[in-house]
Amino acid sequence: MMTRKHFVIITKAIRECLEDDANKFTLVTTLADKFQEENPRFDRARFIRATNRAKPAGEGQPSEQRAKIA
């Protein structure tokens, strides 16, 4: 069974990798549907909000560039 930790990893990957809103919406809603089928307690709205948050400064940049920023 997936835990909150797994969902956090997935939301971070979505924020880092997908810039196109149409593709992001399709992926996020499809994943939310599947996660809810597997776990009735899955909070669909919370997951969708988490994938749409702005990237923190330095997120999505190669580690060398993040080190220069810090």
PDB file of N, CA and C in Angstrom:
ATOM      1  N   MET A   1       0.837  -1.175   0.000  1.00  0.00           N
ATOM      2  CA  MET A   1       0.000   0.000   0.000  1.00  0.00           C
ATOM      3  C   MET A   1       0.886   1.244   0.000  1.00  0.00           C
ATOM      4  N   MET A   2       0.442   2.249  -0.718  1.00  0.00           N
ATOM      5  CA  MET A   2       1.190   3.499  -0.769  1.00  0.00           C
ATOM      6  C   MET A   2       0.911   4.318   0.493  1.00  0.00           C
ATOM      7  N   THR A   3       1.944   4.996   0.937  1.00  0.00           N
ATOM      8  CA  THR A   3       1.826   5.834   2.122  1.00  0.00           C
ATOM      9  C   THR A   3       1.895   7.307   1.716  1.00  0.00           C
ATOM     10  N   ARG A   4       1.686   8.163   2.690  1.00  0.00           N
ATOM     11  CA  ARG A   4       1.765   9.608   2.434  1.00  0.00           C
ATOM     12  C   ARG A   4       3.121   9.964   1.821  1.00  0.00           C
ATOM     13  N   LYS A   5       4.165   9.318   2.295  1.00  0.00           N
ATOM     14  CA  LYS A   5       5.518   9.555   1.788  1.00  0.00           C
ATOM     15  C   LYS A   5       5.579   9.336   0.273  1.00  0.00           C
ATOM     16  N   HIS A   6       4.930   8.294  -0.214  1.00  0.00           N
ATOM     17  CA  HIS A   6       4.913   8.017  -1.649  1.00  0.00           C
ATOM     18  C   HIS A   6       4.182   9.111  -2.415  1.00  0.00           C
ATOM     19  N   PHE A   7       3.059   9.554  -1.870  1.00  0.00           N
ATOM     20  CA  PHE A   7       2.286  10.602  -2.537  1.00  0.00           C
ATOM     21  C   PHE A   7       3.074  11.909  -2.595  1.00  0.00           C
ATOM     22  N   VAL A   8       3.826  12.218  -1.562  1.00  0.00           N
ATOM     23  CA  VAL A   8       4.650  13.427  -1.553  1.00  0.00           C
ATOM     24  C   VAL A   8       5.710  13.348  -2.640  1.00  0.00           C
ATOM     25  N   ILE A   9       6.343  12.211  -2.789  1.00  0.00           N
ATOM     26  CA  ILE A   9       7.353  12.024  -3.824  1.00  0.00           C
ATOM     27  C   ILE A   9       6.731  12.229  -5.206  1.00  0.00           C
ATOM     28  N   ILE A  10       5.558  11.685  -5.418  1.00  0.00           N
ATOM     29  CA  ILE A  10       4.876  11.812  -6.708  1.00  0.00           C
ATOM     30  C   ILE A  10       4.511  13.263  -6.985  1.00  0.00           C
ATOM     31  N   THR A  11       3.986  13.982  -5.995  1.00  0.00           N
ATOM     32  CA  THR A  11       3.609  15.376  -6.239  1.00  0.00           C
ATOM     33  C   THR A  11       4.827  16.228  -6.568  1.00  0.00           C
ATOM     34  N   LYS A  12       5.939  15.981  -5.909  1.00  0.00           N
ATOM     35  CA  LYS A  12       7.166  16.731  -6.203  1.00  0.00           C
ATOM     36  C   LYS A  12       7.635  16.449  -7.631  1.00  0.00           C
ATOM     37  N   ALA A  13       7.583  15.197  -8.043  1.00  0.00           N
ATOM     38  CA  ALA A  13       7.996  14.840  -9.399  1.00  0.00           C
ATOM     39  C   ALA A  13       7.108  15.517 -10.438  1.00  0.00           C
ATOM     40  N   ILE A  14       5.828  15.558 -10.192  1.00  0.00           N
ATOM     41  CA  ILE A  14       4.905  16.209 -11.124  1.00  0.00           C
ATOM     42  C   ILE A  14       5.227  17.695 -11.232  1.00  0.00           C
ATOM     43  N   ARG A  15       5.435  18.354 -10.108  1.00  0.00           N
ATOM     44  CA  ARG A  15       5.756  19.788 -10.125  1.00  0.00           C
ATOM     45  C   ARG A  15       7.062  20.050 -10.859  1.00  0.00           C
ATOM     46  N   GLU A  16       8.042  19.188 -10.680  1.00  0.00           N
ATOM     47  CA  GLU A  16       9.355  19.390 -11.299  1.00  0.00           C
ATOM     48  C   GLU A  16       9.350  19.105 -12.793  1.00  0.00           C
ATOM     49  N   CYS A  17       8.583  18.128 -13.224  1.00  0.00           N
ATOM     50  CA  CYS A  17       8.704  17.629 -14.590  1.00  0.00           C
ATOM     51  C   CYS A  17       7.672  18.154 -15.581  1.00  0.00           C
ATOM     52  N   LEU A  18       6.524  18.561 -15.103  1.00  0.00           N
ATOM     53  CA  LEU A  18       5.473  18.950 -16.031  1.00  0.00           C
ATOM     54  C   LEU A  18       5.210  20.446 -15.986  1.00  0.00           C
ATOM     55  N   GLU A  19       5.408  21.095 -17.118  1.00  0.00           N
ATOM     56  CA  GLU A  19       5.129  22.517 -17.226  1.00  0.00           C
ATOM     57  C   GLU A  19       3.811  22.754 -17.970  1.00  0.00           C
ATOM     58  N   ASP A  20       3.480  21.876 -18.893  1.00  0.00           N
ATOM     59  CA  ASP A  20       2.268  22.031 -19.701  1.00  0.00           C
ATOM     60  C   ASP A  20       1.034  21.740 -18.851  1.00  0.00           C
ATOM     61  N   ASP A  21       0.176  22.729 -18.688  1.00  0.00           N
ATOM     62  CA  ASP A  21      -0.978  22.586 -17.803  1.00  0.00           C
ATOM     63  C   ASP A  21      -1.952  21.504 -18.244  1.00  0.00           C
ATOM     64  N   ALA A  22      -2.150  21.349 -19.555  1.00  0.00           N
ATOM     65  CA  ALA A  22      -3.096  20.330 -20.046  1.00  0.00           C
ATOM     66  C   ALA A  22      -2.591  18.927 -19.711  1.00  0.00           C
ATOM     67  N   ASN A  23      -1.311  18.687 -19.951  1.00  0.00           N
ATOM     68  CA  ASN A  23      -0.738  17.382 -19.634  1.00  0.00           C
ATOM     69  C   ASN A  23      -0.729  17.134 -18.133  1.00  0.00           C
ATOM     70  N   LYS A  24      -0.409  18.165 -17.368  1.00  0.00           N
ATOM     71  CA  LYS A  24      -0.384  18.031 -15.913  1.00  0.00           C
ATOM     72  C   LYS A  24      -1.778  17.684 -15.394  1.00  0.00           C
ATOM     73  N   PHE A  25      -2.801  18.395 -15.879  1.00  0.00           N
ATOM     74  CA  PHE A  25      -4.170  18.146 -15.436  1.00  0.00           C
ATOM     75  C   PHE A  25      -4.583  16.706 -15.725  1.00  0.00           C
ATOM     76  N   THR A  26      -4.295  16.233 -16.930  1.00  0.00           N
ATOM     77  CA  THR A  26      -4.655  14.865 -17.311  1.00  0.00           C
ATOM     78  C   THR A  26      -3.961  13.850 -16.412  1.00  0.00           C
ATOM     79  N   LEU A  27      -2.675  14.013 -16.212  1.00  0.00           N
ATOM     80  CA  LEU A  27      -1.917  13.076 -15.374  1.00  0.00           C
ATOM     81  C   LEU A  27      -2.408  13.109 -13.928  1.00  0.00           C
ATOM     82  N   VAL A  28      -2.564  14.300 -13.376  1.00  0.00           N
ATOM     83  CA  VAL A  28      -2.945  14.445 -11.971  1.00  0.00           C
ATOM     84  C   VAL A  28      -4.334  13.865 -11.714  1.00  0.00           C
ATOM     85  N   THR A  29      -5.286  14.161 -12.569  1.00  0.00           N
ATOM     86  CA  THR A  29      -6.639  13.646 -12.344  1.00  0.00           C
ATOM     87  C   THR A  29      -6.698  12.130 -12.541  1.00  0.00           C
ATOM     88  N   THR A  30      -5.943  11.615 -13.496  1.00  0.00           N
ATOM     89  CA  THR A  30      -5.900  10.168 -13.705  1.00  0.00           C
ATOM     90  C   THR A  30      -5.284   9.467 -12.492  1.00  0.00           C
ATOM     91  N   LEU A  31      -4.165   9.998 -12.002  1.00  0.00           N
ATOM     92  CA  LEU A  31      -3.543   9.418 -10.803  1.00  0.00           C
ATOM     93  C   LEU A  31      -4.476   9.513  -9.603  1.00  0.00           C
ATOM     94  N   ALA A  32      -5.132  10.647  -9.439  1.00  0.00           N
ATOM     95  CA  ALA A  32      -6.053  10.819  -8.303  1.00  0.00           C
ATOM     96  C   ALA A  32      -7.176   9.788  -8.365  1.00  0.00           C
ATOM     97  N   ASP A  33      -7.696   9.525  -9.561  1.00  0.00           N
ATOM     98  CA  ASP A  33      -8.743   8.505  -9.720  1.00  0.00           C
ATOM     99  C   ASP A  33      -8.241   7.137  -9.273  1.00  0.00           C
ATOM    100  N   LYS A  34      -7.050   6.783  -9.727  1.00  0.00           N
ATOM    101  CA  LYS A  34      -6.476   5.465  -9.411  1.00  0.00           C
ATOM    102  C   LYS A  34      -6.154   5.342  -7.919  1.00  0.00           C
ATOM    103  N   PHE A  35      -5.593   6.406  -7.347  1.00  0.00           N
ATOM    104  CA  PHE A  35      -5.247   6.377  -5.931  1.00  0.00           C
ATOM    105  C   PHE A  35      -6.508   6.241  -5.076  1.00  0.00           C
ATOM    106  N   GLN A  36      -7.571   6.923  -5.483  1.00  0.00           N
ATOM    107  CA  GLN A  36      -8.825   6.859  -4.726  1.00  0.00           C
ATOM    108  C   GLN A  36      -9.457   5.465  -4.830  1.00  0.00           C
ATOM    109  N   GLU A  37      -9.298   4.801  -5.981  1.00  0.00           N
ATOM    110  CA  GLU A  37      -9.799   3.429  -6.126  1.00  0.00           C
ATOM    111  C   GLU A  37      -9.085   2.500  -5.161  1.00  0.00           C
ATOM    112  N   GLU A  38      -7.784   2.715  -4.993  1.00  0.00           N
ATOM    113  CA  GLU A  38      -6.970   1.860  -4.129  1.00  0.00           C
ATOM    114  C   GLU A  38      -7.159   2.179  -2.653  1.00  0.00           C
ATOM    115  N   ASN A  39      -7.415   3.442  -2.345  1.00  0.00           N
ATOM    116  CA  ASN A  39      -7.501   3.860  -0.952  1.00  0.00           C
ATOM    117  C   ASN A  39      -8.678   4.825  -0.789  1.00  0.00           C
ATOM    118  N   PRO A  40      -9.781   4.364  -0.235  1.00  0.00           N
ATOM    119  CA  PRO A  40     -10.960   5.214  -0.065  1.00  0.00           C
ATOM    120  C   PRO A  40     -10.704   6.454   0.794  1.00  0.00           C
ATOM    121  N   ARG A  41      -9.672   6.426   1.612  1.00  0.00           N
ATOM    122  CA  ARG A  41      -9.341   7.577   2.464  1.00  0.00           C
ATOM    123  C   ARG A  41      -8.431   8.576   1.760  1.00  0.00           C
ATOM    124  N   PHE A  42      -8.032   8.282   0.541  1.00  0.00           N
ATOM    125  CA  PHE A  42      -7.171   9.176  -0.222  1.00  0.00           C
ATOM    126  C   PHE A  42      -7.857  10.533  -0.389  1.00  0.00           C
ATOM    127  N   ASP A  43      -7.129  11.604  -0.103  1.00  0.00           N
ATOM    128  CA  ASP A  43      -7.672  12.961  -0.187  1.00  0.00           C
ATOM    129  C   ASP A  43      -7.346  13.540  -1.561  1.00  0.00           C
ATOM    130  N   ARG A  44      -8.274  13.342  -2.481  1.00  0.00           N
ATOM    131  CA  ARG A  44      -8.101  13.758  -3.882  1.00  0.00           C
ATOM    132  C   ARG A  44      -7.808  15.264  -3.996  1.00  0.00           C
ATOM    133  N   ALA A  45      -8.605  16.083  -3.317  1.00  0.00           N
ATOM    134  CA  ALA A  45      -8.434  17.538  -3.415  1.00  0.00           C
ATOM    135  C   ALA A  45      -7.059  17.974  -2.903  1.00  0.00           C
ATOM    136  N   ARG A  46      -6.623  17.374  -1.823  1.00  0.00           N
ATOM    137  CA  ARG A  46      -5.313  17.720  -1.257  1.00  0.00           C
ATOM    138  C   ARG A  46      -4.191  17.360  -2.228  1.00  0.00           C
ATOM    139  N   PHE A  47      -4.298  16.197  -2.862  1.00  0.00           N
ATOM    140  CA  PHE A  47      -3.306  15.760  -3.835  1.00  0.00           C
ATOM    141  C   PHE A  47      -3.244  16.736  -5.012  1.00  0.00           C
ATOM    142  N   ILE A  48      -4.395  17.114  -5.527  1.00  0.00           N
ATOM    143  CA  ILE A  48      -4.438  18.027  -6.676  1.00  0.00           C
ATOM    144  C   ILE A  48      -3.851  19.388  -6.291  1.00  0.00           C
ATOM    145  N   ARG A  49      -4.195  19.896  -5.124  1.00  0.00           N
ATOM    146  CA  ARG A  49      -3.621  21.176  -4.662  1.00  0.00           C
ATOM    147  C   ARG A  49      -2.101  21.072  -4.547  1.00  0.00           C
ATOM    148  N   ALA A  50      -1.617  19.962  -4.018  1.00  0.00           N
ATOM    149  CA  ALA A  50      -0.171  19.788  -3.820  1.00  0.00           C
ATOM    150  C   ALA A  50       0.584  19.764  -5.138  1.00  0.00           C
ATOM    151  N   THR A  51      -0.015  19.218  -6.179  1.00  0.00           N
ATOM    152  CA  THR A  51       0.675  19.165  -7.469  1.00  0.00           C
ATOM    153  C   THR A  51       0.670  20.503  -8.175  1.00  0.00           C
ATOM    154  N   ASN A  52      -0.169  21.427  -7.741  1.00  0.00           N
ATOM    155  CA  ASN A  52      -0.261  22.730  -8.389  1.00  0.00           C
ATOM    156  C   ASN A  52       0.453  23.833  -7.631  1.00  0.00           C
ATOM    157  N   ARG A  53       1.075  23.511  -6.525  1.00  0.00           N
ATOM    158  CA  ARG A  53       1.828  24.521  -5.774  1.00  0.00           C
ATOM    159  C   ARG A  53       3.013  24.996  -6.602  1.00  0.00           C
ATOM    160  N   ALA A  54       3.408  26.209  -6.349  1.00  0.00           N
ATOM    161  CA  ALA A  54       4.588  26.746  -7.030  1.00  0.00           C
ATOM    162  C   ALA A  54       5.826  25.989  -6.568  1.00  0.00           C
ATOM    163  N   LYS A  55       6.806  25.888  -7.456  1.00  0.00           N
ATOM    164  CA  LYS A  55       8.051  25.229  -7.105  1.00  0.00           C
ATOM    165  C   LYS A  55       8.832  26.098  -6.127  1.00  0.00           C
ATOM    166  N   PRO A  56       9.370  25.504  -5.072  1.00  0.00           N
ATOM    167  CA  PRO A  56      10.248  26.275  -4.173  1.00  0.00           C
ATOM    168  C   PRO A  56      11.490  26.727  -4.933  1.00  0.00           C
ATOM    169  N   ALA A  57      12.113  27.799  -4.509  1.00  0.00           N
ATOM    170  CA  ALA A  57      13.320  28.305  -5.169  1.00  0.00           C
ATOM    171  C   ALA A  57      14.356  27.202  -5.284  1.00  0.00           C
ATOM    172  N   GLY A  58      14.864  27.035  -6.465  1.00  0.00           N
ATOM    173  CA  GLY A  58      15.903  26.036  -6.699  1.00  0.00           C
ATOM    174  C   GLY A  58      15.385  24.666  -7.054  1.00  0.00           C
ATOM    175  N   GLU A  59      14.095  24.394  -6.854  1.00  0.00           N
ATOM    176  CA  GLU A  59      13.558  23.073  -7.166  1.00  0.00           C
ATOM    177  C   GLU A  59      13.494  22.903  -8.675  1.00  0.00           C
ATOM    178  N   GLY A  60      13.882  21.744  -9.152  1.00  0.00           N
ATOM    179  CA  GLY A  60      13.831  21.477 -10.580  1.00  0.00           C
ATOM    180  C   GLY A  60      15.114  21.852 -11.292  1.00  0.00           C
ATOM    181  N   GLN A  61      16.097  22.397 -10.561  1.00  0.00           N
ATOM    182  CA  GLN A  61      17.377  22.743 -11.144  1.00  0.00           C
ATOM    183  C   GLN A  61      18.383  21.652 -10.794  1.00  0.00           C
ATOM    184  N   PRO A  62      19.362  21.468 -11.665  1.00  0.00           N
ATOM    185  CA  PRO A  62      20.406  20.479 -11.326  1.00  0.00           C
ATOM    186  C   PRO A  62      21.023  20.806  -9.980  1.00  0.00           C
ATOM    187  N   SER A  63      21.485  19.792  -9.284  1.00  0.00           N
ATOM    188  CA  SER A  63      22.015  19.973  -7.931  1.00  0.00           C
ATOM    189  C   SER A  63      23.176  20.961  -7.890  1.00  0.00           C
ATOM    190  N   GLU A  64      23.986  21.037  -8.953  1.00  0.00           N
ATOM    191  CA  GLU A  64      25.099  21.984  -8.969  1.00  0.00           C
ATOM    192  C   GLU A  64      24.585  23.419  -8.917  1.00  0.00           C
ATOM    193  N   GLN A  65      23.512  23.693  -9.657  1.00  0.00           N
ATOM    194  CA  GLN A  65      22.959  25.044  -9.655  1.00  0.00           C
ATOM    195  C   GLN A  65      22.309  25.351  -8.309  1.00  0.00           C
ATOM    196  N   ARG A  66      21.650  24.371  -7.684  1.00  0.00           N
ATOM    197  CA  ARG A  66      21.050  24.584  -6.368  1.00  0.00           C
ATOM    198  C   ARG A  66      22.131  24.929  -5.355  1.00  0.00           C
ATOM    199  N   ALA A  67      23.293  24.280  -5.442  1.00  0.00           N
ATOM    200  CA  ALA A  67      24.371  24.523  -4.507  1.00  0.00           C
ATOM    201  C   ALA A  67      24.878  25.967  -4.655  1.00  0.00           C
ATOM    202  N   LYS A  68      24.910  26.492  -5.889  1.00  0.00           N
ATOM    203  CA  LYS A  68      25.358  27.862  -6.119  1.00  0.00           C
ATOM    204  C   LYS A  68      24.371  28.864  -5.535  1.00  0.00           C
ATOM    205  N   ILE A  69      23.089  28.529  -5.563  1.00  0.00           N
ATOM    206  CA  ILE A  69      22.048  29.421  -5.051  1.00  0.00           C
ATOM    207  C   ILE A  69      22.137  29.518  -3.536  1.00  0.00           C
ATOM    208  N   ALA A  70      22.421  28.380  -2.888  1.00  0.00           N
ATOM    209  CA  ALA A  70      22.431  28.322  -1.418  1.00  0.00           C
ATOM    210  C   ALA A  70      23.595  29.016  -0.808  1.00  0.00           C
TER     211      ALA A  70
END
